[in-house]
Protein backbone atom coordinates (compact mmCIF):
# COMPACT_ATOMS: atom_id res chain seq x y z
CA MET A 1 12.56 -31.77 -19.61
CA THR A 2 9.80 -29.22 -20.10
CA ARG A 3 10.30 -25.45 -20.11
CA ILE A 4 7.63 -23.52 -18.22
CA ALA A 5 7.14 -19.75 -18.28
CA VAL A 6 5.40 -18.00 -15.40
CA GLY A 7 4.09 -14.50 -14.78
CA ILE A 8 4.96 -13.05 -11.39
CA GLU A 9 3.46 -10.08 -9.55
CA TYR A 10 5.00 -8.73 -6.37
CA GLN A 11 5.12 -5.81 -4.01
CA GLY A 12 8.85 -5.39 -3.52
CA THR A 13 8.81 -3.39 -0.29
CA ARG A 14 9.91 -6.23 2.00
CA TYR A 15 12.47 -7.76 -0.34
CA ALA A 16 16.09 -7.16 -1.28
CA GLY A 17 15.17 -7.22 -4.96
CA TRP A 18 14.69 -10.10 -7.36
CA GLN A 19 18.05 -11.86 -7.32
CA SER A 20 18.82 -14.49 -4.69
CA GLN A 21 21.14 -13.40 -1.90
CA PRO A 22 22.60 -15.48 0.93
CA SER A 23 21.47 -13.22 3.78
CA ALA A 24 18.18 -11.62 2.69
CA ASP A 25 14.75 -12.56 1.39
CA THR A 26 14.36 -12.03 -2.34
CA VAL A 27 11.57 -12.69 -4.82
CA GLN A 28 13.63 -15.22 -6.77
CA MET A 29 14.50 -17.22 -3.67
CA LEU A 30 10.90 -17.45 -2.47
CA ALA A 31 9.47 -18.18 -5.93
CA GLU A 32 12.03 -20.93 -6.57
CA ARG A 33 11.27 -22.48 -3.20
CA ALA A 34 7.51 -22.44 -3.86
CA LEU A 35 7.75 -23.86 -7.37
CA GLY A 36 10.29 -26.42 -6.17
CA LYS A 37 7.77 -27.76 -3.67
CA VAL A 38 5.23 -28.21 -6.46
CA ALA A 39 7.86 -29.90 -8.65
CA ALA A 40 9.26 -32.00 -5.77
CA GLU A 41 12.70 -31.05 -7.12
CA PRO A 42 14.86 -27.91 -7.17
CA VAL A 43 13.75 -25.20 -9.59
CA SER A 44 15.98 -22.45 -11.02
CA LEU A 45 14.26 -19.34 -12.37
CA VAL A 46 15.55 -17.01 -15.10
CA CYS A 47 13.70 -13.68 -15.20
CA ALA A 48 13.08 -11.05 -17.85
CA GLY A 49 14.49 -8.22 -15.75
CA ARG A 50 16.07 -8.16 -12.30
CA THR A 51 14.47 -5.59 -10.02
CA ASP A 52 16.17 -3.80 -7.12
CA ALA A 53 15.18 -3.69 -3.47
CA GLY A 54 11.78 -2.08 -2.98
CA VAL A 55 10.80 -2.21 -6.67
CA HIS A 56 7.45 -3.80 -7.55
CA ALA A 57 6.33 -5.87 -10.54
CA ARG A 58 3.06 -6.23 -12.39
CA GLY A 59 4.42 -8.17 -15.38
CA GLN A 60 7.61 -10.01 -14.45
CA VAL A 61 8.19 -13.11 -16.58
CA ALA A 62 10.48 -16.01 -15.70
CA HIS A 63 11.14 -19.52 -16.98
CA PHE A 64 12.40 -22.79 -15.55
CA ASP A 65 13.08 -26.32 -16.78
CA THR A 66 11.62 -29.32 -15.01
CA ALA A 67 11.09 -33.05 -15.34
CA ALA A 68 7.93 -32.81 -13.22
CA ASN A 69 4.62 -33.39 -14.98
CA ARG A 70 2.11 -30.90 -13.56
CA SER A 71 -0.86 -29.04 -15.00
CA MET A 72 -0.47 -25.30 -15.53
CA ARG A 73 -3.17 -24.74 -12.91
CA ALA A 74 -1.19 -26.85 -10.45
CA TRP A 75 1.96 -24.79 -11.01
CA MET A 76 0.07 -21.57 -10.37
CA LEU A 77 -2.15 -22.58 -7.46
CA GLY A 78 0.42 -24.85 -5.85
CA ALA A 79 3.13 -22.20 -5.87
CA ASN A 80 0.77 -19.50 -4.62
CA SER A 81 -0.19 -21.65 -1.64
CA GLU A 82 3.50 -21.56 -0.64
CA LEU A 83 4.15 -17.88 -1.36
CA PRO A 84 3.60 -14.88 0.95
CA PRO A 85 0.63 -12.64 0.07
CA ASP A 86 2.79 -9.97 -1.56
CA ILE A 87 4.13 -12.37 -4.25
CA SER A 88 1.89 -14.21 -6.72
CA ILE A 89 2.24 -16.46 -9.75
CA SER A 90 -0.38 -14.98 -12.09
CA TRP A 91 -0.13 -17.57 -14.88
CA ALA A 92 1.92 -20.54 -16.11
CA ARG A 93 2.44 -21.73 -19.70
CA PRO A 94 4.54 -24.38 -21.44
CA VAL A 95 6.94 -22.73 -23.88
CA PRO A 96 9.36 -24.00 -26.54
CA GLU A 97 12.78 -24.99 -25.28
CA HIS A 98 14.37 -22.08 -27.17
CA PHE A 99 12.25 -19.52 -25.27
CA HIS A 100 14.33 -17.47 -22.83
CA ALA A 101 12.65 -15.02 -20.45
CA ARG A 102 15.53 -12.55 -20.77
CA TYR A 103 17.06 -13.03 -24.20
CA SER A 104 13.81 -13.60 -26.11
CA ALA A 105 12.36 -10.29 -24.91
CA GLU A 106 11.99 -7.53 -27.50
CA ALA A 107 11.29 -4.75 -25.01
CA ARG A 108 10.55 -4.04 -21.36
CA THR A 109 8.28 -1.39 -19.88
CA TYR A 110 8.52 0.27 -16.49
CA ARG A 111 6.06 2.70 -14.93
CA TYR A 112 6.97 5.17 -12.21
CA PHE A 113 4.04 6.48 -10.16
CA ILE A 114 4.33 9.87 -8.42
CA PHE A 115 1.62 10.99 -6.00
CA ASN A 116 1.82 14.77 -6.27
CA ARG A 117 -0.11 16.71 -3.65
CA GLY A 118 0.72 18.79 -0.59
CA SER A 119 -0.11 16.08 1.93
CA ARG A 120 1.07 12.49 1.88
CA SER A 121 -1.35 9.59 1.56
CA GLY A 122 -1.93 7.15 4.37
CA LEU A 123 -2.87 4.47 1.83
CA LEU A 124 0.09 4.63 -0.54
CA SER A 125 3.11 4.15 1.69
CA HIS A 126 5.85 2.28 -0.27
CA ARG A 127 3.51 1.89 -3.26
CA ALA A 128 4.12 5.26 -4.91
CA THR A 129 6.59 8.12 -4.62
CA TRP A 130 5.20 11.19 -2.86
CA ILE A 131 6.33 14.63 -4.05
CA HIS A 132 4.71 17.52 -2.18
CA ARG A 133 5.91 20.31 -4.48
CA ALA A 134 3.77 20.85 -7.57
CA LEU A 135 5.21 19.18 -10.67
CA ASP A 136 4.82 20.59 -14.18
CA ALA A 137 4.18 17.48 -16.26
CA ASP A 138 4.50 19.42 -19.53
CA ARG A 139 8.05 20.48 -18.65
CA MET A 140 8.84 16.90 -17.67
CA ALA A 141 7.50 15.62 -20.99
CA GLN A 142 9.68 18.10 -22.90
CA ALA A 143 12.74 16.84 -21.04
CA ALA A 144 11.75 13.20 -21.56
CA ALA A 145 11.54 13.67 -25.34
CA ALA A 146 15.31 14.24 -25.47
CA LEU A 147 15.92 10.77 -24.04
CA GLU A 148 13.95 8.84 -26.65
CA GLY A 149 15.91 6.93 -29.29
CA GLU A 150 19.21 5.05 -29.13
CA HIS A 151 21.78 6.71 -26.88
CA ASP A 152 24.69 6.18 -24.54
CA PHE A 153 22.89 6.32 -21.17
CA SER A 154 26.08 6.43 -19.04
CA ALA A 155 24.73 9.50 -17.20
CA PHE A 156 21.81 7.39 -15.97
CA ARG A 157 23.56 4.18 -14.94
CA ALA A 158 24.54 3.25 -11.40
CA ALA A 159 28.23 3.00 -10.53
CA GLU A 160 27.83 -0.72 -9.80
CA CYS A 161 26.12 -1.44 -13.15
CA GLN A 162 27.67 -4.52 -14.77
CA ALA A 163 26.27 -4.07 -18.29
CA LYS A 164 28.94 -4.37 -20.97
CA SER A 165 27.54 -1.45 -22.98
CA PRO A 166 25.67 1.71 -21.90
CA ILE A 167 23.90 1.91 -25.28
CA ARG A 168 20.15 1.42 -25.01
CA ARG A 169 17.21 2.10 -27.33
CA MET A 170 14.44 4.02 -25.58
CA GLU A 171 11.33 3.38 -27.67
CA ARG A 172 9.08 5.58 -25.57
CA LEU A 173 9.39 7.82 -22.53
CA ALA A 174 6.06 9.42 -21.70
CA VAL A 175 4.96 11.71 -18.86
CA THR A 176 1.26 12.12 -18.10
CA ARG A 177 -0.76 13.76 -15.35
CA GLN A 178 -4.15 12.59 -14.09
CA GLY A 179 -5.37 14.52 -11.06
CA ASP A 180 -2.79 14.16 -8.28
CA TRP A 181 -0.88 11.51 -10.23
CA VAL A 182 2.11 11.99 -12.49
CA THR A 183 3.10 8.80 -14.30
CA LEU A 184 6.31 8.10 -16.19
CA GLU A 185 6.28 5.20 -18.65
CA ALA A 186 9.55 3.99 -20.16
CA THR A 187 9.84 1.29 -22.83
CA ALA A 188 13.28 0.17 -24.05
CA ASN A 189 15.02 -2.88 -25.39
CA ALA A 190 16.77 -3.14 -22.02
CA PHE A 191 17.66 -0.95 -19.04
CA LEU A 192 20.85 -0.22 -17.13
CA HIS A 193 21.05 -0.57 -13.36
CA HIS A 194 18.97 2.24 -11.74
CA MET A 195 18.37 3.76 -15.20
CA VAL A 196 14.64 4.41 -14.75
CA ARG A 197 15.02 5.76 -11.22
CA ASN A 198 17.86 8.04 -12.33
CA ILE A 199 15.75 9.35 -15.21
CA ALA A 200 12.84 9.84 -12.81
CA GLY A 201 15.09 11.83 -10.48
CA LEU A 202 16.06 14.17 -13.32
CA LEU A 203 12.49 14.58 -14.56
CA ILE A 204 11.24 15.33 -11.04
CA ARG A 205 13.85 18.08 -10.70
CA VAL A 206 12.74 19.55 -14.03
CA GLY A 207 9.09 19.27 -12.99
CA LYS A 208 9.79 21.21 -9.80
CA GLY A 209 11.29 24.03 -11.86
CA ASP A 210 14.79 23.54 -10.46
CA ALA A 211 16.23 22.86 -13.94
CA PRO A 212 15.08 23.62 -17.50
CA PRO A 213 13.79 20.87 -19.82
CA SER A 214 16.93 21.30 -21.94
CA TRP A 215 18.98 19.97 -19.02
CA ALA A 216 18.00 16.39 -19.92
CA ALA A 217 19.78 16.60 -23.29
CA GLU A 218 22.83 18.21 -21.64
CA VAL A 219 23.10 15.45 -19.04
CA LEU A 220 22.64 12.73 -21.65
CA ALA A 221 25.36 14.20 -23.87
CA GLY A 222 27.74 14.60 -20.93
CA ARG A 223 27.67 10.85 -20.13
CA ASP A 224 28.60 11.62 -16.51
CA ARG A 225 26.38 10.27 -13.74
CA ARG A 226 27.72 12.92 -11.35
CA SER A 227 26.16 15.69 -13.44
CA SER A 228 22.61 14.37 -13.10
CA ALA A 229 19.99 14.43 -10.34
CA ALA A 230 19.72 12.14 -7.34
CA THR A 231 18.24 8.68 -7.82
CA ALA A 232 14.48 8.66 -7.22
CA THR A 233 13.13 6.33 -4.54
CA ALA A 234 12.16 2.74 -5.38
CA ASP A 235 8.63 3.09 -3.96
CA GLY A 236 7.05 4.30 -7.20
CA LEU A 237 8.75 1.94 -9.65
CA TYR A 238 6.89 -1.00 -11.23
CA PHE A 239 8.25 -3.51 -13.73
CA TRP A 240 5.17 -3.20 -15.88
CA GLN A 241 5.37 -5.48 -18.92
CA VAL A 242 7.65 -7.50 -21.20
CA ARG A 243 7.10 -7.76 -24.94
CA TYR A 244 7.98 -11.00 -26.72
CA PRO A 245 7.68 -12.10 -30.36
CA ALA A 246 4.16 -13.26 -31.21
CA ALA A 247 5.46 -16.80 -31.72
CA PHE A 248 5.68 -17.25 -27.93
CA PRO A 249 2.40 -17.78 -26.01
CA ILE A 250 3.07 -15.19 -23.32
CA PRO A 251 -0.11 -13.60 -21.94
CA ALA A 252 -0.40 -9.88 -21.25
CA PRO A 253 -0.29 -9.07 -17.53
CA ALA A 254 -3.57 -8.56 -15.73
CA CYS A 255 -4.56 -5.02 -14.73
CA ASP A 256 -6.57 -5.94 -11.65
CA MET A 257 -3.59 -5.54 -9.29
CA ILE A 258 -3.78 -1.74 -9.59
CA PRO A 259 -5.36 -0.45 -6.36
CA PRO A 260 -8.21 2.07 -6.29
CA GLY A 261 -6.93 5.59 -6.86
CA PHE A 262 -4.06 4.56 -9.14
CA PRO A 263 -4.20 5.89 -12.69
CA PRO A 264 -4.90 3.31 -15.42
């Protein structure tokens, strides 16, 4: 058996998330079906991070084991010929048998894109979150600083979250503005269910001026999801990148999927 790692890009708008479900199209189901046709045998994918319905990915990583002998180009091109246009295998690599897409990861990065102007865009539907009220990115950055480090993120986890522990280490939580764009970038060892979207919801409320930057620290300390802001929409969330130890030959994701007008 050979273990193969693949990079996967997808626009999540039409899908019920990553994980296979019996009654809805998911990214995992379609990717397994496509790779299985190339392998001429069933393929089971393990991913670096499961995304929810409507969430996109630039740098998803998954692995599978197979007895099929195919070139890396054949895995990529063959699977893409079977996939819909909003899902793509961006690369394929053989990896050691002890590589695990989830457990070998050192950190994961998400980006949340907010299009912040008075009128909505006709080009960005479902690809970014539109906020018409002006956002103060400096206030948002002040609030975000309180969430960096290792904390109990119970106030930012969904009720249905199945993680055994709410403790996570947030390496970086940055807020930047470029023209009409406000971008949140979060890097952590792992994330709880809806954690990034719940943080985005809080930061958006702070950016609107409806709460002070100090509110972020208060919510975090309270460990009560009911005391925080509403969950931000999935449209603006992208699973951006996974970091692995240098010993594993995992390529960095390509940047050419970012459409014109998106910040770098």
